[in-house]
PDB file of N, CA and C in Angstrom:
ATOM      1  N   HIS A   1      52.602 -24.377  14.102  1.00  0.00           N
ATOM      2  CA  HIS A   1      52.493 -23.034  13.586  1.00  0.00           C
ATOM      3  C   HIS A   1      51.084 -22.498  13.768  1.00  0.00           C
ATOM      4  N   ARG A   2      50.094 -23.265  13.395  1.00  0.00           N
ATOM      5  CA  ARG A   2      48.717 -22.791  13.483  1.00  0.00           C
ATOM      6  C   ARG A   2      48.341 -22.441  14.921  1.00  0.00           C
ATOM      7  N   LYS A   3      48.778 -23.251  15.847  1.00  0.00           N
ATOM      8  CA  LYS A   3      48.424 -23.041  17.246  1.00  0.00           C
ATOM      9  C   LYS A   3      49.148 -21.828  17.838  1.00  0.00           C
ATOM     10  N   HIS A   4      50.386 -21.595  17.435  1.00  0.00           N
ATOM     11  CA  HIS A   4      51.199 -20.569  18.090  1.00  0.00           C
ATOM     12  C   HIS A   4      51.539 -19.360  17.227  1.00  0.00           C
ATOM     13  N   GLY A   5      51.290 -19.436  15.917  1.00  0.00           N
ATOM     14  CA  GLY A   5      51.744 -18.351  15.063  1.00  0.00           C
ATOM     15  C   GLY A   5      50.707 -17.812  14.106  1.00  0.00           C
ATOM     16  N   SER A   6      49.441 -18.127  14.337  1.00  0.00           N
ATOM     17  CA  SER A   6      48.398 -17.631  13.446  1.00  0.00           C
ATOM     18  C   SER A   6      47.273 -17.013  14.272  1.00  0.00           C
ATOM     19  N   ASP A   7      46.209 -16.653  13.612  1.00  0.00           N
ATOM     20  CA  ASP A   7      45.064 -16.054  14.304  1.00  0.00           C
ATOM     21  C   ASP A   7      44.464 -16.984  15.354  1.00  0.00           C
ATOM     22  N   VAL A   8      44.677 -18.281  15.212  1.00  0.00           N
ATOM     23  CA  VAL A   8      44.161 -19.245  16.179  1.00  0.00           C
ATOM     24  C   VAL A   8      44.762 -18.991  17.560  1.00  0.00           C
ATOM     25  N   ALA A   9      45.971 -18.474  17.611  1.00  0.00           N
ATOM     26  CA  ALA A   9      46.669 -18.253  18.882  1.00  0.00           C
ATOM     27  C   ALA A   9      45.873 -17.373  19.835  1.00  0.00           C
ATOM     28  N   GLN A  10      45.089 -16.465  19.299  1.00  0.00           N
ATOM     29  CA  GLN A  10      44.314 -15.570  20.162  1.00  0.00           C
ATOM     30  C   GLN A  10      43.301 -16.327  21.024  1.00  0.00           C
ATOM     31  N   TYR A  11      42.911 -17.502  20.585  1.00  0.00           N
ATOM     32  CA  TYR A  11      41.920 -18.274  21.327  1.00  0.00           C
ATOM     33  C   TYR A  11      42.536 -19.136  22.431  1.00  0.00           C
ATOM     34  N   ILE A  12      43.831 -19.280  22.405  1.00  0.00           N
ATOM     35  CA  ILE A  12      44.493 -20.087  23.442  1.00  0.00           C
ATOM     36  C   ILE A  12      45.479 -19.265  24.265  1.00  0.00           C
ATOM     37  N   GLY A  13      45.451 -17.999  24.096  1.00  0.00           N
ATOM     38  CA  GLY A  13      46.355 -17.135  24.850  1.00  0.00           C
ATOM     39  C   GLY A  13      46.931 -16.062  23.966  1.00  0.00           C
ATOM     40  N   SER A  14      48.089 -16.330  23.391  1.00  0.00           N
ATOM     41  CA  SER A  14      48.716 -15.366  22.492  1.00  0.00           C
ATOM     42  C   SER A  14      49.720 -16.085  21.602  1.00  0.00           C
ATOM     43  N   MET A  15      50.230 -15.374  20.612  1.00  0.00           N
ATOM     44  CA  MET A  15      51.235 -15.949  19.724  1.00  0.00           C
ATOM     45  C   MET A  15      52.502 -16.242  20.518  1.00  0.00           C
ATOM     46  N   ASN A  16      53.219 -17.258  20.095  1.00  0.00           N
ATOM     47  CA  ASN A  16      54.439 -17.665  20.777  1.00  0.00           C
ATOM     48  C   ASN A  16      55.528 -17.836  19.722  1.00  0.00           C
ATOM     49  N   ALA A  17      56.311 -16.792  19.519  1.00  0.00           N
ATOM     50  CA  ALA A  17      57.344 -16.789  18.479  1.00  0.00           C
ATOM     51  C   ALA A  17      58.376 -17.892  18.691  1.00  0.00           C
ATOM     52  N   ASP A  18      58.709 -18.203  19.938  1.00  0.00           N
ATOM     53  CA  ASP A  18      59.682 -19.268  20.208  1.00  0.00           C
ATOM     54  C   ASP A  18      59.148 -20.624  19.752  1.00  0.00           C
ATOM     55  N   ALA A  19      57.877 -20.893  20.016  1.00  0.00           N
ATOM     56  CA  ALA A  19      57.274 -22.153  19.592  1.00  0.00           C
ATOM     57  C   ALA A  19      57.237 -22.251  18.074  1.00  0.00           C
ATOM     58  N   VAL A  20      56.944 -21.150  17.413  1.00  0.00           N
ATOM     59  CA  VAL A  20      56.921 -21.125  15.950  1.00  0.00           C
ATOM     60  C   VAL A  20      58.316 -21.388  15.395  1.00  0.00           C
ATOM     61  N   ALA A  21      59.334 -20.792  15.989  1.00  0.00           N
ATOM     62  CA  ALA A  21      60.718 -20.998  15.532  1.00  0.00           C
ATOM     63  C   ALA A  21      61.132 -22.460  15.677  1.00  0.00           C
ATOM     64  N   VAL A  22      60.760 -23.084  16.783  1.00  0.00           N
ATOM     65  CA  VAL A  22      61.084 -24.501  16.992  1.00  0.00           C
ATOM     66  C   VAL A  22      60.348 -25.358  15.968  1.00  0.00           C
ATOM     67  N   ALA A  23      59.076 -25.061  15.739  1.00  0.00           N
ATOM     68  CA  ALA A  23      58.289 -25.816  14.761  1.00  0.00           C
ATOM     69  C   ALA A  23      58.874 -25.672  13.360  1.00  0.00           C
ATOM     70  N   LYS A  24      59.285 -24.457  13.005  1.00  0.00           N
ATOM     71  CA  LYS A  24      59.862 -24.230  11.676  1.00  0.00           C
ATOM     72  C   LYS A  24      61.173 -24.997  11.513  1.00  0.00           C
ATOM     73  N   ALA A  25      62.023 -24.955  12.507  1.00  0.00           N
ATOM     74  CA  ALA A  25      63.298 -25.681  12.438  1.00  0.00           C
ATOM     75  C   ALA A  25      63.056 -27.179  12.296  1.00  0.00           C
ATOM     76  N   HIS A  26      62.101 -27.705  13.030  1.00  0.00           N
ATOM     77  CA  HIS A  26      61.786 -29.135  12.942  1.00  0.00           C
ATOM     78  C   HIS A  26      61.233 -29.468  11.552  1.00  0.00           C
ATOM     79  N   CYS A  27      60.362 -28.629  11.054  1.00  0.00           N
ATOM     80  CA  CYS A  27      59.783 -28.828   9.731  1.00  0.00           C
ATOM     81  C   CYS A  27      60.877 -28.826   8.656  1.00  0.00           C
ATOM     82  N   GLU A  28      61.777 -27.871   8.728  1.00  0.00           N
ATOM     83  CA  GLU A  28      62.869 -27.805   7.751  1.00  0.00           C
ATOM     84  C   GLU A  28      63.733 -29.062   7.818  1.00  0.00           C
ATOM     85  N   LYS A  29      63.984 -29.554   9.016  1.00  0.00           N
ATOM     86  CA  LYS A  29      64.775 -30.778   9.187  1.00  0.00           C
ATOM     87  C   LYS A  29      64.068 -31.962   8.530  1.00  0.00           C
ATOM     88  N   ILE A  30      62.779 -32.100   8.776  1.00  0.00           N
ATOM     89  CA  ILE A  30      62.021 -33.222   8.216  1.00  0.00           C
ATOM     90  C   ILE A  30      61.948 -33.127   6.696  1.00  0.00           C
ATOM     91  N   PHE A  31      61.705 -31.931   6.160  1.00  0.00           N
ATOM     92  CA  PHE A  31      61.650 -31.780   4.714  1.00  0.00           C
ATOM     93  C   PHE A  31      63.002 -32.103   4.080  1.00  0.00           C
ATOM     94  N   HIS A  32      64.091 -31.760   4.757  1.00  0.00           N
ATOM     95  CA  HIS A  32      65.418 -32.100   4.248  1.00  0.00           C
ATOM     96  C   HIS A  32      65.621 -33.622   4.243  1.00  0.00           C
ATOM     97  N   VAL A  33      65.206 -34.290   5.303  1.00  0.00           N
ATOM     98  CA  VAL A  33      65.301 -35.751   5.370  1.00  0.00           C
ATOM     99  C   VAL A  33      64.479 -36.368   4.240  1.00  0.00           C
ATOM    100  N   MET A  34      63.279 -35.863   4.038  1.00  0.00           N
ATOM    101  CA  MET A  34      62.419 -36.400   2.974  1.00  0.00           C
ATOM    102  C   MET A  34      63.028 -36.159   1.590  1.00  0.00           C
ATOM    103  N   ALA A  35      63.658 -35.008   1.408  1.00  0.00           N
ATOM    104  CA  ALA A  35      64.307 -34.711   0.125  1.00  0.00           C
ATOM    105  C   ALA A  35      65.448 -35.681  -0.127  1.00  0.00           C
ATOM    106  N   LYS A  36      66.201 -36.017   0.905  1.00  0.00           N
ATOM    107  CA  LYS A  36      67.282 -36.997   0.745  1.00  0.00           C
ATOM    108  C   LYS A  36      66.711 -38.377   0.431  1.00  0.00           C
ATOM    109  N   GLU A  37      65.578 -38.715   1.030  1.00  0.00           N
ATOM    110  CA  GLU A  37      64.904 -39.980   0.719  1.00  0.00           C
ATOM    111  C   GLU A  37      64.462 -40.005  -0.739  1.00  0.00           C
ATOM    112  N   LEU A  38      63.968 -38.882  -1.217  1.00  0.00           N
ATOM    113  CA  LEU A  38      63.577 -38.778  -2.621  1.00  0.00           C
ATOM    114  C   LEU A  38      64.763 -39.063  -3.527  1.00  0.00           C
ATOM    115  N   LEU A  39      65.903 -38.474  -3.207  1.00  0.00           N
ATOM    116  CA  LEU A  39      67.104 -38.704  -4.004  1.00  0.00           C
ATOM    117  C   LEU A  39      67.505 -40.176  -4.020  1.00  0.00           C
ATOM    118  N   SER A  40      67.260 -40.868  -2.933  1.00  0.00           N
ATOM    119  CA  SER A  40      67.666 -42.276  -2.863  1.00  0.00           C
ATOM    120  C   SER A  40      66.585 -43.229  -3.365  1.00  0.00           C
ATOM    121  N   SER A  41      65.431 -42.713  -3.774  1.00  0.00           N
ATOM    122  CA  SER A  41      64.319 -43.579  -4.181  1.00  0.00           C
ATOM    123  C   SER A  41      64.562 -44.289  -5.497  1.00  0.00           C
ATOM    124  N   GLY A  42      65.466 -43.757  -6.309  1.00  0.00           N
ATOM    125  CA  GLY A  42      65.744 -44.388  -7.595  1.00  0.00           C
ATOM    126  C   GLY A  42      64.724 -44.052  -8.666  1.00  0.00           C
ATOM    127  N   GLY A  43      63.866 -43.084  -8.398  1.00  0.00           N
ATOM    128  CA  GLY A  43      62.850 -42.711  -9.380  1.00  0.00           C
ATOM    129  C   GLY A  43      62.413 -41.273  -9.208  1.00  0.00           C
ATOM    130  N   ASP A  44      61.339 -40.942  -9.875  1.00  0.00           N
ATOM    131  CA  ASP A  44      60.825 -39.577  -9.844  1.00  0.00           C
ATOM    132  C   ASP A  44      59.968 -39.275  -8.622  1.00  0.00           C
ATOM    133  N   TYR A  45      59.580 -40.310  -7.890  1.00  0.00           N
ATOM    134  CA  TYR A  45      58.651 -40.127  -6.778  1.00  0.00           C
ATOM    135  C   TYR A  45      59.233 -40.720  -5.496  1.00  0.00           C
ATOM    136  N   MET A  46      58.551 -40.499  -4.395  1.00  0.00           N
ATOM    137  CA  MET A  46      59.078 -40.901  -3.093  1.00  0.00           C
ATOM    138  C   MET A  46      59.361 -42.400  -2.988  1.00  0.00           C
ATOM    139  N   LEU A  47      58.534 -43.217  -3.633  1.00  0.00           N
ATOM    140  CA  LEU A  47      58.748 -44.668  -3.562  1.00  0.00           C
ATOM    141  C   LEU A  47      59.334 -45.237  -4.842  1.00  0.00           C
ATOM    142  N   GLY A  48      59.888 -44.382  -5.674  1.00  0.00           N
ATOM    143  CA  GLY A  48      60.530 -44.855  -6.900  1.00  0.00           C
ATOM    144  C   GLY A  48      59.873 -44.285  -8.141  1.00  0.00           C
ATOM    145  N   GLU A  49      59.589 -45.160  -9.089  1.00  0.00           N
ATOM    146  CA  GLU A  49      59.061 -44.729 -10.383  1.00  0.00           C
ATOM    147  C   GLU A  49      57.574 -44.438 -10.390  1.00  0.00           C
ATOM    148  N   HIS A  50      56.841 -44.935  -9.407  1.00  0.00           N
ATOM    149  CA  HIS A  50      55.389 -44.820  -9.439  1.00  0.00           C
ATOM    150  C   HIS A  50      54.871 -43.835  -8.399  1.00  0.00           C
ATOM    151  N   PHE A  51      53.986 -42.971  -8.844  1.00  0.00           N
ATOM    152  CA  PHE A  51      53.313 -42.018  -7.974  1.00  0.00           C
ATOM    153  C   PHE A  51      52.424 -42.786  -7.004  1.00  0.00           C
ATOM    154  N   SER A  52      52.399 -42.368  -5.735  1.00  0.00           N
ATOM    155  CA  SER A  52      51.618 -43.094  -4.734  1.00  0.00           C
ATOM    156  C   SER A  52      50.981 -42.128  -3.732  1.00  0.00           C
ATOM    157  N   ALA A  53      50.271 -42.697  -2.782  1.00  0.00           N
ATOM    158  CA  ALA A  53      49.644 -41.895  -1.714  1.00  0.00           C
ATOM    159  C   ALA A  53      50.688 -41.121  -0.917  1.00  0.00           C
ATOM    160  N   VAL A  54      51.884 -41.652  -0.815  1.00  0.00           N
ATOM    161  CA  VAL A  54      52.963 -40.935  -0.108  1.00  0.00           C
ATOM    162  C   VAL A  54      53.209 -39.587  -0.774  1.00  0.00           C
ATOM    163  N   ASP A  55      53.195 -39.576  -2.094  1.00  0.00           N
ATOM    164  CA  ASP A  55      53.433 -38.332  -2.823  1.00  0.00           C
ATOM    165  C   ASP A  55      52.293 -37.341  -2.603  1.00  0.00           C
ATOM    166  N   ILE A  56      51.067 -37.830  -2.549  1.00  0.00           N
ATOM    167  CA  ILE A  56      49.928 -36.946  -2.303  1.00  0.00           C
ATOM    168  C   ILE A  56      50.093 -36.267  -0.940  1.00  0.00           C
ATOM    169  N   LEU A  57      50.403 -37.043   0.069  1.00  0.00           N
ATOM    170  CA  LEU A  57      50.562 -36.482   1.412  1.00  0.00           C
ATOM    171  C   LEU A  57      51.752 -35.527   1.482  1.00  0.00           C
ATOM    172  N   PHE A  58      52.869 -35.912   0.876  1.00  0.00           N
ATOM    173  CA  PHE A  58      54.060 -35.072   0.950  1.00  0.00           C
ATOM    174  C   PHE A  58      53.846 -33.754   0.203  1.00  0.00           C
ATOM    175  N   VAL A  59      53.231 -33.799  -0.970  1.00  0.00           N
ATOM    176  CA  VAL A  59      52.959 -32.562  -1.708  1.00  0.00           C
ATOM    177  C   VAL A  59      52.011 -31.675  -0.907  1.00  0.00           C
ATOM    178  N   HIS A  60      51.045 -32.275  -0.260  1.00  0.00           N
ATOM    179  CA  HIS A  60      50.151 -31.503   0.606  1.00  0.00           C
ATOM    180  C   HIS A  60      50.963 -30.785   1.694  1.00  0.00           C
ATOM    181  N   CYS A  61      51.892 -31.491   2.316  1.00  0.00           N
ATOM    182  CA  CYS A  61      52.728 -30.895   3.363  1.00  0.00           C
ATOM    183  C   CYS A  61      53.603 -29.776   2.805  1.00  0.00           C
ATOM    184  N   LEU A  62      54.152 -29.978   1.622  1.00  0.00           N
ATOM    185  CA  LEU A  62      54.966 -28.941   0.998  1.00  0.00           C
ATOM    186  C   LEU A  62      54.122 -27.714   0.651  1.00  0.00           C
ATOM    187  N   ASN A  63      52.915 -27.959   0.146  1.00  0.00           N
ATOM    188  CA  ASN A  63      52.007 -26.848  -0.148  1.00  0.00           C
ATOM    189  C   ASN A  63      51.686 -26.072   1.128  1.00  0.00           C
ATOM    190  N   TRP A  64      51.446 -26.802   2.213  1.00  0.00           N
ATOM    191  CA  TRP A  64      51.178 -26.155   3.499  1.00  0.00           C
ATOM    192  C   TRP A  64      52.383 -25.309   3.919  1.00  0.00           C
ATOM    193  N   GLY A  65      53.578 -25.880   3.801  1.00  0.00           N
ATOM    194  CA  GLY A  65      54.784 -25.142   4.168  1.00  0.00           C
ATOM    195  C   GLY A  65      54.907 -23.845   3.388  1.00  0.00           C
ATOM    196  N   GLU A  66      54.617 -23.911   2.103  1.00  0.00           N
ATOM    197  CA  GLU A  66      54.664 -22.699   1.288  1.00  0.00           C
ATOM    198  C   GLU A  66      53.583 -21.713   1.713  1.00  0.00           C
ATOM    199  N   SER A  67      52.405 -22.214   2.043  1.00  0.00           N
ATOM    200  CA  SER A  67      51.291 -21.322   2.367  1.00  0.00           C
ATOM    201  C   SER A  67      51.546 -20.502   3.635  1.00  0.00           C
ATOM    202  N   ILE A  68      52.409 -20.993   4.514  1.00  0.00           N
ATOM    203  CA  ILE A  68      52.717 -20.240   5.737  1.00  0.00           C
ATOM    204  C   ILE A  68      54.093 -19.571   5.668  1.00  0.00           C
ATOM    205  N   GLY A  69      54.695 -19.586   4.486  1.00  0.00           N
ATOM    206  CA  GLY A  69      55.951 -18.874   4.289  1.00  0.00           C
ATOM    207  C   GLY A  69      57.200 -19.644   4.658  1.00  0.00           C
ATOM    208  N   TRP A  70      57.105 -20.970   4.741  1.00  0.00           N
ATOM    209  CA  TRP A  70      58.260 -21.778   5.119  1.00  0.00           C
ATOM    210  C   TRP A  70      58.880 -22.512   3.930  1.00  0.00           C
ATOM    211  N   GLY A  71      58.540 -22.155   2.709  1.00  0.00           N
ATOM    212  CA  GLY A  71      58.994 -22.911   1.552  1.00  0.00           C
ATOM    213  C   GLY A  71      60.194 -22.365   0.814  1.00  0.00           C
ATOM    214  N   ASP A  72      60.852 -21.357   1.361  1.00  0.00           N
ATOM    215  CA  ASP A  72      61.963 -20.732   0.636  1.00  0.00           C
ATOM    216  C   ASP A  72      63.060 -21.708   0.235  1.00  0.00           C
ATOM    217  N   ARG A  73      63.348 -22.681   1.091  1.00  0.00           N
ATOM    218  CA  ARG A  73      64.460 -23.598   0.797  1.00  0.00           C
ATOM    219  C   ARG A  73      64.221 -24.410  -0.459  1.00  0.00           C
ATOM    220  N   TRP A  74      62.973 -24.765  -0.780  1.00  0.00           N
ATOM    221  CA  TRP A  74      62.740 -25.542  -1.992  1.00  0.00           C
ATOM    222  C   TRP A  74      62.129 -24.715  -3.115  1.00  0.00           C
ATOM    223  N   THR A  75      61.532 -23.577  -2.831  1.00  0.00           N
ATOM    224  CA  THR A  75      61.012 -22.766  -3.930  1.00  0.00           C
ATOM    225  C   THR A  75      62.126 -21.979  -4.601  1.00  0.00           C
ATOM    226  N   SER A  76      63.173 -21.663  -3.852  1.00  0.00           N
ATOM    227  CA  SER A  76      64.345 -20.950  -4.386  1.00  0.00           C
ATOM    228  C   SER A  76      65.602 -21.601  -3.819  1.00  0.00           C
ATOM    229  N   PRO A  77      65.851 -22.867  -4.189  1.00  0.00           N
ATOM    230  CA  PRO A  77      66.991 -23.557  -3.578  1.00  0.00           C
ATOM    231  C   PRO A  77      68.330 -23.009  -4.062  1.00  0.00           C
ATOM    232  N   ALA A  78      69.306 -23.079  -3.177  1.00  0.00           N
ATOM    233  CA  ALA A  78      70.672 -22.735  -3.573  1.00  0.00           C
ATOM    234  C   ALA A  78      71.136 -23.775  -4.594  1.00  0.00           C
ATOM    235  N   ALA A  79      71.894 -23.337  -5.580  1.00  0.00           N
ATOM    236  CA  ALA A  79      72.322 -24.231  -6.657  1.00  0.00           C
ATOM    237  C   ALA A  79      73.100 -25.441  -6.148  1.00  0.00           C
ATOM    238  N   ASP A  80      73.786 -25.299  -5.015  1.00  0.00           N
ATOM    239  CA  ASP A  80      74.588 -26.404  -4.492  1.00  0.00           C
ATOM    240  C   ASP A  80      73.848 -27.237  -3.440  1.00  0.00           C
ATOM    241  N   ASP A  81      72.569 -26.960  -3.240  1.00  0.00           N
ATOM    242  CA  ASP A  81      71.768 -27.710  -2.268  1.00  0.00           C
ATOM    243  C   ASP A  81      70.992 -28.796  -3.021  1.00  0.00           C
ATOM    244  N   GLU A  82      71.678 -29.903  -3.298  1.00  0.00           N
ATOM    245  CA  GLU A  82      71.113 -30.963  -4.122  1.00  0.00           C
ATOM    246  C   GLU A  82      69.769 -31.482  -3.616  1.00  0.00           C
ATOM    247  N   PRO A  83      69.616 -31.750  -2.311  1.00  0.00           N
ATOM    248  CA  PRO A  83      68.312 -32.237  -1.861  1.00  0.00           C
ATOM    249  C   PRO A  83      67.173 -31.247  -2.129  1.00  0.00           C
ATOM    250  N   MET A  84      67.407 -29.955  -1.902  1.00  0.00           N
ATOM    251  CA  MET A  84      66.344 -28.977  -2.115  1.00  0.00           C
ATOM    252  C   MET A  84      66.087 -28.736  -3.603  1.00  0.00           C
ATOM    253  N   CYS A  85      67.129 -28.824  -4.424  1.00  0.00           N
ATOM    254  CA  CYS A  85      66.925 -28.733  -5.873  1.00  0.00           C
ATOM    255  C   CYS A  85      66.095 -29.914  -6.361  1.00  0.00           C
ATOM    256  N   ALA A  86      66.374 -31.101  -5.832  1.00  0.00           N
ATOM    257  CA  ALA A  86      65.601 -32.292  -6.185  1.00  0.00           C
ATOM    258  C   ALA A  86      64.161 -32.141  -5.717  1.00  0.00           C
ATOM    259  N   LEU A  87      63.981 -31.569  -4.550  1.00  0.00           N
ATOM    260  CA  LEU A  87      62.639 -31.361  -4.016  1.00  0.00           C
ATOM    261  C   LEU A  87      61.852 -30.381  -4.890  1.00  0.00           C
ATOM    262  N   ALA A  88      62.493 -29.333  -5.337  1.00  0.00           N
ATOM    263  CA  ALA A  88      61.835 -28.362  -6.213  1.00  0.00           C
ATOM    264  C   ALA A  88      61.406 -29.024  -7.519  1.00  0.00           C
ATOM    265  N   ALA A  89      62.279 -29.842  -8.104  1.00  0.00           N
ATOM    266  CA  ALA A  89      61.948 -30.541  -9.347  1.00  0.00           C
ATOM    267  C   ALA A  89      60.812 -31.539  -9.121  1.00  0.00           C
ATOM    268  N   TYR A  90      60.864 -32.249  -8.003  1.00  0.00           N
ATOM    269  CA  TYR A  90      59.827 -33.211  -7.640  1.00  0.00           C
ATOM    270  C   TYR A  90      58.473 -32.516  -7.522  1.00  0.00           C
ATOM    271  N   LEU A  91      58.453 -31.412  -6.826  1.00  0.00           N
ATOM    272  CA  LEU A  91      57.207 -30.687  -6.634  1.00  0.00           C
ATOM    273  C   LEU A  91      56.658 -30.209  -7.979  1.00  0.00           C
ATOM    274  N   GLY A  92      57.534 -29.771  -8.856  1.00  0.00           N
ATOM    275  CA  GLY A  92      57.107 -29.380 -10.201  1.00  0.00           C
ATOM    276  C   GLY A  92      56.487 -30.537 -10.961  1.00  0.00           C
ATOM    277  N   ARG A  93      57.105 -31.721 -10.868  1.00  0.00           N
ATOM    278  CA  ARG A  93      56.553 -32.912 -11.530  1.00  0.00           C
ATOM    279  C   ARG A  93      55.180 -33.253 -10.972  1.00  0.00           C
ATOM    280  N   CYS A  94      55.075 -33.236  -9.670  1.00  0.00           N
ATOM    281  CA  CYS A  94      53.803 -33.602  -9.036  1.00  0.00           C
ATOM    282  C   CYS A  94      52.708 -32.604  -9.382  1.00  0.00           C
ATOM    283  N   ARG A  95      53.050 -31.342  -9.380  1.00  0.00           N
ATOM    284  CA  ARG A  95      52.058 -30.314  -9.682  1.00  0.00           C
ATOM    285  C   ARG A  95      51.681 -30.290 -11.158  1.00  0.00           C
ATOM    286  N   ALA A  96      52.526 -30.845 -12.011  1.00  0.00           N
ATOM    287  CA  ALA A  96      52.240 -30.899 -13.446  1.00  0.00           C
ATOM    288  C   ALA A  96      51.303 -32.055 -13.803  1.00  0.00           C
ATOM    289  N   ARG A  97      51.043 -32.933 -12.872  1.00  0.00           N
ATOM    290  CA  ARG A  97      50.158 -34.077 -13.134  1.00  0.00           C
ATOM    291  C   ARG A  97      48.726 -33.582 -13.362  1.00  0.00           C
ATOM    292  N   PRO A  98      48.045 -34.128 -14.364  1.00  0.00           N
ATOM    293  CA  PRO A  98      46.652 -33.729 -14.616  1.00  0.00           C
ATOM    294  C   PRO A  98      45.749 -33.910 -13.393  1.00  0.00           C
ATOM    295  N   ALA A  99      45.957 -34.956 -12.617  1.00  0.00           N
ATOM    296  CA  ALA A  99      45.124 -35.182 -11.432  1.00  0.00           C
ATOM    297  C   ALA A  99      45.317 -34.070 -10.404  1.00  0.00           C
ATOM    298  N   TYR A 100      46.521 -33.540 -10.301  1.00  0.00           N
ATOM    299  CA  TYR A 100      46.766 -32.428  -9.380  1.00  0.00           C
ATOM    300  C   TYR A 100      45.962 -31.211  -9.825  1.00  0.00           C
ATOM    301  N   ALA A 101      46.000 -30.927 -11.120  1.00  0.00           N
ATOM    302  CA  ALA A 101      45.250 -29.781 -11.647  1.00  0.00           C
ATOM    303  C   ALA A 101      43.758 -29.952 -11.392  1.00  0.00           C
ATOM    304  N   ARG A 102      43.249 -31.155 -11.588  1.00  0.00           N
ATOM    305  CA  ARG A 102      41.822 -31.398 -11.327  1.00  0.00           C
ATOM    306  C   ARG A 102      41.496 -31.213  -9.847  1.00  0.00           C
ATOM    307  N   ALA A 103      42.351 -31.717  -8.981  1.00  0.00           N
ATOM    308  CA  ALA A 103      42.110 -31.588  -7.543  1.00  0.00           C
ATOM    309  C   ALA A 103      42.150 -30.126  -7.113  1.00  0.00           C
ATOM    310  N   LYS A 104      43.094 -29.368  -7.633  1.00  0.00           N
ATOM    311  CA  LYS A 104      43.210 -27.948  -7.269  1.00  0.00           C
ATOM    312  C   LYS A 104      42.032 -27.130  -7.819  1.00  0.00           C
ATOM    313  N   ALA A 105      41.418 -27.604  -8.902  1.00  0.00           N
ATOM    314  CA  ALA A 105      40.298 -26.876  -9.513  1.00  0.00           C
ATOM    315  C   ALA A 105      39.000 -27.055  -8.742  1.00  0.00           C
ATOM    316  N   ARG A 106      38.942 -28.063  -7.896  1.00  0.00           N
ATOM    317  CA  ARG A 106      37.721 -28.303  -7.113  1.00  0.00           C
ATOM    318  C   ARG A 106      37.570 -27.239  -6.043  1.00  0.00           C
ATOM    319  N   PRO A 107      36.326 -26.804  -5.825  1.00  0.00           N
ATOM    320  CA  PRO A 107      36.124 -25.782  -4.779  1.00  0.00           C
ATOM    321  C   PRO A 107      36.324 -26.304  -3.387  1.00  0.00           C
TER     322      PRO A 107
END
């Protein structure tokens, strides 16, 4: 997305809507796979009951997805989309952690 769909594109030629569409579709597929993995983890986090580095990286990726406008599926999931509903709840849990608030407060 950054290379083909943002201001950076001007430095390498021009924006490429087709490349952005392919990247978005791939991203949505991966986030769906990760959401299903979350459901099968047996706990509140990606690896089960304990928060880990995997969760830090995944939340970062989800935040990035939202920042470029690709987060609709988990920010407003359809009621019957169990993986995306689980992802929305997961993201809420992760963002409610005191360490997340401290990290976001840093300049």
